[in-house]
């Protein structure tokens, strides 16, 4: 009986550890803001809305704002990579 209880606890711990590892992606909002410092005011407003939502843990609210940045701005390759990576991480956390 004790062996079964131990195995169940071990299994539950491994599942929790695995789930935490999958969603433990850090979203670097400072890097995102730095990349878009010189963006036009309208793009900057969407970006600031998205960053504020990320900071508040409201990932489902951050996603539309960041997607608007993707469609509204002409970006450098570096900006596009940072924004794409951020959107990917926000989508993962919004689930």
C-alpha atoms as a PDB file:
ATOM      1  CA  UNK A   1       0.000   0.000   0.000  1.00  0.00           C
ATOM      2  CA  UNK A   2       2.798   2.414   0.904  1.00  0.00           C
ATOM      3  CA  UNK A   3       4.624   1.524  -2.283  1.00  0.00           C
ATOM      4  CA  UNK A   4       1.528   2.328  -4.381  1.00  0.00           C
ATOM      5  CA  UNK A   5       1.031   5.635  -2.562  1.00  0.00           C
ATOM      6  CA  UNK A   6       4.684   6.513  -3.131  1.00  0.00           C
ATOM      7  CA  UNK A   7       4.411   5.698  -6.843  1.00  0.00           C
ATOM      8  CA  UNK A   8       1.266   7.793  -7.217  1.00  0.00           C
ATOM      9  CA  UNK A   9       2.901  10.739  -5.464  1.00  0.00           C
ATOM     10  CA  UNK A  10       5.990  10.383  -7.637  1.00  0.00           C
ATOM     11  CA  UNK A  11       3.863  10.269 -10.783  1.00  0.00           C
ATOM     12  CA  UNK A  12       1.894  13.346  -9.712  1.00  0.00           C
ATOM     13  CA  UNK A  13       5.142  15.187  -8.986  1.00  0.00           C
ATOM     14  CA  UNK A  14       6.587  14.326 -12.390  1.00  0.00           C
ATOM     15  CA  UNK A  15       3.426  15.482 -14.146  1.00  0.00           C
ATOM     16  CA  UNK A  16       3.455  18.779 -12.238  1.00  0.00           C
ATOM     17  CA  UNK A  17       7.153  19.266 -12.941  1.00  0.00           C
ATOM     18  CA  UNK A  18       6.661  18.570 -16.651  1.00  0.00           C
ATOM     19  CA  UNK A  19       3.728  20.961 -16.909  1.00  0.00           C
ATOM     20  CA  UNK A  20       5.673  23.704 -15.155  1.00  0.00           C
ATOM     21  CA  UNK A  21       8.630  23.186 -17.476  1.00  0.00           C
ATOM     22  CA  UNK A  22       6.477  23.554 -20.576  1.00  0.00           C
ATOM     23  CA  UNK A  23       4.988  26.878 -19.515  1.00  0.00           C
ATOM     24  CA  UNK A  24       8.075  28.292 -17.836  1.00  0.00           C
ATOM     25  CA  UNK A  25       9.021  30.561 -20.713  1.00  0.00           C
ATOM     26  CA  UNK A  26      10.091  34.010 -19.637  1.00  0.00           C
ATOM     27  CA  UNK A  27       8.681  36.836 -21.724  1.00  0.00           C
ATOM     28  CA  UNK A  28      11.293  39.580 -22.001  1.00  0.00           C
ATOM     29  CA  UNK A  29       9.155  42.709 -22.329  1.00  0.00           C
ATOM     30  CA  UNK A  30      12.164  45.012 -21.862  1.00  0.00           C
ATOM     31  CA  UNK A  31      13.793  43.520 -24.957  1.00  0.00           C
ATOM     32  CA  UNK A  32      10.539  43.949 -26.875  1.00  0.00           C
ATOM     33  CA  UNK A  33      10.152  47.581 -25.832  1.00  0.00           C
ATOM     34  CA  UNK A  34      13.776  48.325 -26.625  1.00  0.00           C
ATOM     35  CA  UNK A  35      13.433  46.890 -30.125  1.00  0.00           C
ATOM     36  CA  UNK A  36      10.463  49.160 -30.877  1.00  0.00           C
ATOM     37  CA  UNK A  37      11.693  52.406 -29.277  1.00  0.00           C
ATOM     38  CA  UNK A  38      11.555  54.315 -32.532  1.00  0.00           C
ATOM     39  CA  UNK A  39       8.218  52.891 -33.707  1.00  0.00           C
ATOM     40  CA  UNK A  40       5.417  55.267 -34.749  1.00  0.00           C
ATOM     41  CA  UNK A  41       3.053  56.385 -31.954  1.00  0.00           C
ATOM     42  CA  UNK A  42       0.135  54.180 -33.048  1.00  0.00           C
ATOM     43  CA  UNK A  43       2.337  51.068 -33.138  1.00  0.00           C
ATOM     44  CA  UNK A  44       3.887  52.084 -29.834  1.00  0.00           C
ATOM     45  CA  UNK A  45       0.404  52.343 -28.272  1.00  0.00           C
ATOM     46  CA  UNK A  46      -0.445  48.756 -29.298  1.00  0.00           C
ATOM     47  CA  UNK A  47       2.913  47.573 -28.012  1.00  0.00           C
ATOM     48  CA  UNK A  48       2.451  49.334 -24.666  1.00  0.00           C
ATOM     49  CA  UNK A  49      -1.022  47.800 -24.320  1.00  0.00           C
ATOM     50  CA  UNK A  50       0.391  44.344 -24.973  1.00  0.00           C
ATOM     51  CA  UNK A  51       3.292  44.803 -22.558  1.00  0.00           C
ATOM     52  CA  UNK A  52       0.963  46.081 -19.821  1.00  0.00           C
ATOM     53  CA  UNK A  53      -1.280  43.034 -20.283  1.00  0.00           C
ATOM     54  CA  UNK A  54       1.722  40.689 -20.121  1.00  0.00           C
ATOM     55  CA  UNK A  55       2.922  42.361 -16.934  1.00  0.00           C
ATOM     56  CA  UNK A  56      -0.540  41.900 -15.417  1.00  0.00           C
ATOM     57  CA  UNK A  57      -0.607  38.238 -16.442  1.00  0.00           C
ATOM     58  CA  UNK A  58      -3.497  38.838 -18.869  1.00  0.00           C
ATOM     59  CA  UNK A  59      -2.002  36.954 -21.787  1.00  0.00           C
ATOM     60  CA  UNK A  60      -5.236  36.572 -23.731  1.00  0.00           C
ATOM     61  CA  UNK A  61      -5.570  40.381 -23.725  1.00  0.00           C
ATOM     62  CA  UNK A  62      -1.942  40.875 -24.780  1.00  0.00           C
ATOM     63  CA  UNK A  63      -2.227  38.724 -27.877  1.00  0.00           C
ATOM     64  CA  UNK A  64      -4.495  40.962 -30.024  1.00  0.00           C
ATOM     65  CA  UNK A  65      -2.397  44.051 -29.249  1.00  0.00           C
ATOM     66  CA  UNK A  66       0.832  42.301 -30.217  1.00  0.00           C
ATOM     67  CA  UNK A  67      -0.744  40.918 -33.380  1.00  0.00           C
ATOM     68  CA  UNK A  68      -1.752  44.451 -34.354  1.00  0.00           C
ATOM     69  CA  UNK A  69       1.870  45.496 -33.994  1.00  0.00           C
ATOM     70  CA  UNK A  70       2.830  42.682 -36.353  1.00  0.00           C
ATOM     71  CA  UNK A  71       0.422  43.926 -39.015  1.00  0.00           C
ATOM     72  CA  UNK A  72       0.792  47.660 -38.462  1.00  0.00           C
ATOM     73  CA  UNK A  73       4.527  48.088 -38.508  1.00  0.00           C
ATOM     74  CA  UNK A  74       7.270  47.824 -41.051  1.00  0.00           C
ATOM     75  CA  UNK A  75       9.913  46.007 -39.058  1.00  0.00           C
ATOM     76  CA  UNK A  76      13.531  45.091 -39.236  1.00  0.00           C
ATOM     77  CA  UNK A  77      14.423  41.408 -39.176  1.00  0.00           C
ATOM     78  CA  UNK A  78      15.465  41.715 -35.513  1.00  0.00           C
ATOM     79  CA  UNK A  79      12.156  43.343 -34.551  1.00  0.00           C
ATOM     80  CA  UNK A  80      10.199  40.676 -36.394  1.00  0.00           C
ATOM     81  CA  UNK A  81      12.108  37.877 -34.624  1.00  0.00           C
ATOM     82  CA  UNK A  82      11.610  39.424 -31.181  1.00  0.00           C
ATOM     83  CA  UNK A  83       7.908  40.080 -31.814  1.00  0.00           C
ATOM     84  CA  UNK A  84       7.322  36.590 -33.244  1.00  0.00           C
ATOM     85  CA  UNK A  85       9.063  34.982 -30.276  1.00  0.00           C
ATOM     86  CA  UNK A  86       7.030  37.099 -27.842  1.00  0.00           C
ATOM     87  CA  UNK A  87       3.738  36.243 -29.554  1.00  0.00           C
ATOM     88  CA  UNK A  88       4.641  32.531 -29.461  1.00  0.00           C
ATOM     89  CA  UNK A  89       5.342  32.697 -25.719  1.00  0.00           C
ATOM     90  CA  UNK A  90       2.159  34.696 -25.032  1.00  0.00           C
ATOM     91  CA  UNK A  91       0.089  32.130 -26.954  1.00  0.00           C
ATOM     92  CA  UNK A  92       1.617  29.336 -24.875  1.00  0.00           C
ATOM     93  CA  UNK A  93       0.791  31.117 -21.623  1.00  0.00           C
ATOM     94  CA  UNK A  94      -2.723  32.104 -22.769  1.00  0.00           C
ATOM     95  CA  UNK A  95      -3.789  28.454 -23.036  1.00  0.00           C
END
